[in-house]
Protein backbone atom coordinates (compact mmCIF):
# COMPACT_ATOMS: atom_id res chain seq x y z
CA MET A 1 0.00 0.00 0.00
CA LYS A 2 1.28 3.47 -0.95
CA LYS A 3 -0.07 6.86 0.10
CA ILE A 4 0.41 9.27 -2.81
CA LEU A 5 0.44 13.06 -2.78
CA LEU A 6 -0.18 14.43 -6.28
CA LEU A 7 0.58 18.02 -7.16
CA SER A 8 1.22 20.09 -10.26
CA ASP A 9 1.90 23.61 -11.45
CA THR A 10 3.91 24.78 -8.46
CA HIS A 11 5.57 27.44 -10.66
CA SER A 12 8.51 27.73 -8.20
CA HIS A 13 6.28 27.85 -5.12
CA LEU A 14 6.59 25.52 -2.14
CA ASP A 15 5.36 26.30 1.36
CA ASP A 16 5.03 24.69 4.78
CA THR A 17 1.42 23.66 4.14
CA ILE A 18 2.46 21.59 1.12
CA LEU A 19 5.33 20.10 3.13
CA LYS A 20 2.92 19.12 5.91
CA TYR A 21 1.06 16.92 3.41
CA VAL A 22 4.33 15.64 1.94
CA ALA A 23 5.22 14.31 5.41
CA GLN A 24 2.01 12.24 5.45
CA ALA A 25 2.66 10.58 2.06
CA ASP A 26 4.79 7.63 1.03
CA GLU A 27 5.54 9.16 -2.40
CA VAL A 28 5.06 12.54 -4.05
CA TRP A 29 4.15 12.83 -7.73
CA HIS A 30 4.54 16.14 -9.61
CA ALA A 31 2.73 16.60 -12.94
CA GLY A 32 4.92 19.39 -14.30
CA ASP A 33 5.44 23.15 -14.41
CA ILE A 34 7.81 22.81 -11.51
CA GLY A 35 9.48 26.17 -12.05
CA ASP A 36 12.59 26.43 -9.88
CA LEU A 37 14.15 23.02 -9.24
CA ARG A 38 14.56 24.00 -5.59
CA VAL A 39 10.91 22.84 -5.33
CA THR A 40 11.67 19.28 -6.40
CA ASP A 41 15.01 19.25 -4.58
CA GLU A 42 13.16 20.06 -1.34
CA LEU A 43 10.42 17.49 -2.02
CA GLN A 44 13.04 14.80 -2.63
CA LYS A 45 14.65 15.54 0.75
CA HIS A 46 11.43 14.34 2.39
CA LYS A 47 9.95 11.59 0.17
CA PRO A 48 10.56 9.67 -3.04
CA LEU A 49 9.48 11.84 -6.00
CA ARG A 50 8.23 10.97 -9.45
CA GLY A 51 7.62 13.77 -11.91
CA VAL A 52 7.58 15.20 -15.39
CA TYR A 53 8.59 18.54 -16.80
CA GLY A 54 6.01 21.04 -18.01
CA ASN A 55 5.88 23.69 -20.69
CA ILE A 56 7.36 26.43 -18.44
CA ASP A 57 10.25 24.25 -17.27
CA GLY A 58 13.72 24.95 -18.60
CA ASP A 59 16.66 22.83 -19.67
CA LYS A 60 17.66 21.76 -16.15
CA ALA A 61 14.19 20.37 -15.38
CA ARG A 62 14.08 18.68 -18.78
CA LEU A 63 17.36 16.94 -18.01
CA GLU A 64 16.12 15.77 -14.61
CA PHE A 65 12.54 14.80 -15.49
CA PRO A 66 10.97 13.16 -18.55
CA LEU A 67 8.09 14.49 -20.67
CA HIS A 68 6.17 11.26 -19.96
CA ASN A 69 6.63 9.09 -16.90
CA ARG A 70 4.99 5.67 -17.11
CA PHE A 71 5.52 3.20 -14.30
CA LEU A 72 3.91 0.54 -12.17
CA CYS A 73 2.93 1.47 -8.60
CA GLU A 74 1.81 -1.61 -6.71
CA GLY A 75 -0.53 -3.19 -9.32
CA VAL A 76 -1.49 0.06 -11.09
CA ASP A 77 -0.12 1.14 -14.47
CA VAL A 78 0.40 4.92 -14.11
CA TRP A 79 1.15 7.50 -16.82
CA ILE A 80 2.03 11.07 -15.85
CA THR A 81 2.50 13.86 -18.40
CA HIS A 82 2.00 17.60 -18.18
CA ILE A 83 -0.23 18.40 -21.16
CA GLY A 84 -2.42 15.35 -21.55
CA GLY A 85 -5.96 16.51 -22.18
CA TYR A 86 -9.08 14.79 -20.87
CA PRO A 87 -11.19 11.73 -21.68
CA GLY A 88 -12.42 12.09 -25.24
CA LYS A 89 -10.04 15.02 -25.78
CA TYR A 90 -6.56 13.65 -25.18
CA ASN A 91 -3.57 15.53 -26.55
CA PRO A 92 -3.05 14.46 -30.20
CA SER A 93 0.60 13.58 -29.49
CA ILE A 94 -0.43 10.78 -27.09
CA ARG A 95 -3.87 9.78 -28.41
CA GLN A 96 -2.68 6.72 -30.33
CA GLU A 97 -0.70 5.33 -27.38
CA MET A 98 -3.62 6.07 -25.02
CA THR A 99 -6.05 4.08 -27.14
CA SER A 100 -3.75 1.18 -28.02
CA ASN A 101 -2.17 0.81 -24.56
CA PRO A 102 -4.12 2.76 -21.93
CA PRO A 103 -2.83 2.98 -18.36
CA LYS A 104 -5.10 2.36 -15.39
CA LEU A 105 -4.32 5.85 -13.99
CA PHE A 106 -3.63 8.81 -16.27
CA ILE A 107 -2.36 12.02 -14.64
CA CYS A 108 -1.72 15.43 -16.13
CA GLY A 109 -1.50 19.05 -15.05
CA HIS A 110 -1.29 22.26 -17.11
CA SER A 111 -4.90 23.49 -16.95
CA HIS A 112 -4.76 24.58 -13.27
CA ILE A 113 -8.25 23.00 -13.05
CA LEU A 114 -8.72 20.15 -10.60
CA LYS A 115 -10.55 17.34 -12.32
CA VAL A 116 -11.01 13.63 -11.64
CA MET A 117 -12.92 11.64 -14.26
CA PHE A 118 -13.38 8.02 -15.19
CA ASP A 119 -12.86 7.31 -18.89
CA LYS A 120 -15.38 4.53 -19.61
CA LYS A 121 -14.15 4.06 -23.16
CA LEU A 122 -10.55 3.36 -22.13
CA ASN A 123 -11.38 2.03 -18.64
CA LEU A 124 -8.99 4.36 -16.86
CA LEU A 125 -9.06 6.97 -14.12
CA HIS A 126 -7.98 10.47 -15.15
CA MET A 127 -6.63 12.92 -12.54
CA ASN A 128 -5.54 16.54 -12.72
CA PRO A 129 -4.67 17.91 -9.26
CA GLY A 130 -5.11 21.55 -10.27
CA ALA A 131 -2.36 23.98 -9.28
CA ALA A 132 -0.48 24.04 -5.97
CA GLY A 133 1.42 27.23 -6.81
CA ILE A 134 0.48 30.88 -6.55
CA SER A 135 0.98 31.80 -10.23
CA GLY A 136 -1.87 31.46 -12.70
CA PHE A 137 -5.58 32.15 -13.02
CA HIS A 138 -6.86 29.55 -10.55
CA GLN A 139 -8.55 30.93 -7.43
CA VAL A 140 -7.87 28.11 -4.97
CA ARG A 141 -4.63 26.12 -4.77
CA THR A 142 -5.26 22.37 -4.83
CA MET A 143 -3.59 18.95 -4.64
CA LEU A 144 -4.87 15.38 -4.48
CA ARG A 145 -3.99 12.50 -2.24
CA PHE A 146 -5.00 8.88 -2.55
CA VAL A 147 -3.94 5.35 -1.76
CA ILE A 148 -2.81 2.66 -4.17
CA ASP A 149 -3.36 -0.72 -2.59
CA GLY A 150 -2.51 -3.56 -4.93
CA ALA A 151 -4.58 -2.89 -8.05
CA GLN A 152 -6.98 -0.52 -6.23
CA ILE A 153 -6.95 3.28 -6.27
CA LYS A 154 -8.88 4.41 -3.21
CA ASP A 155 -9.37 7.01 -0.48
CA LEU A 156 -9.13 9.94 -2.91
CA GLU A 157 -9.09 13.33 -1.18
CA ILE A 158 -9.01 16.88 -2.52
CA ILE A 159 -6.68 19.14 -0.57
CA GLU A 160 -7.42 22.85 -0.74
CA LEU A 161 -4.41 24.98 0.16
CA GLY A 162 -6.23 28.29 0.28
CA LYS A 163 -6.50 31.24 -2.07
CA ARG A 164 -3.88 31.72 -4.77
CA ALA A 165 -2.56 35.03 -3.44
């Protein structure tokens, strides 16, 4: 069993509230637009980190993190990317792979809009944790946490971190 904290779009922002939730997780997953790598460096001091780079991330982030991160967590096939789209509207660059070899859990960021949807056509769970940072148009900063237990994804919680600024 693994307790996962999922965040995205930190845009160089990390605060004690985020770190409080990091301490309660087994792993932290970041869905891109990290900004300053001090964010991920700090996260990695506390917990194992899996991540991807986003469209605002520079060369250093692109050397440290992949564009797509696909892995097995317990019994769940996970795919994280920054700009992934939504069920029925996946990014054209990944659409073929999504339909021919869908993961069980598909995670993206970019939109700053928290959204969790089940894709009935591809039989997968789609998650976007919204934005944990203070830059962007979102009003409330958000993250997600959940448990992966064997092949089950359960105990999903929305974490609201307060107003953007």
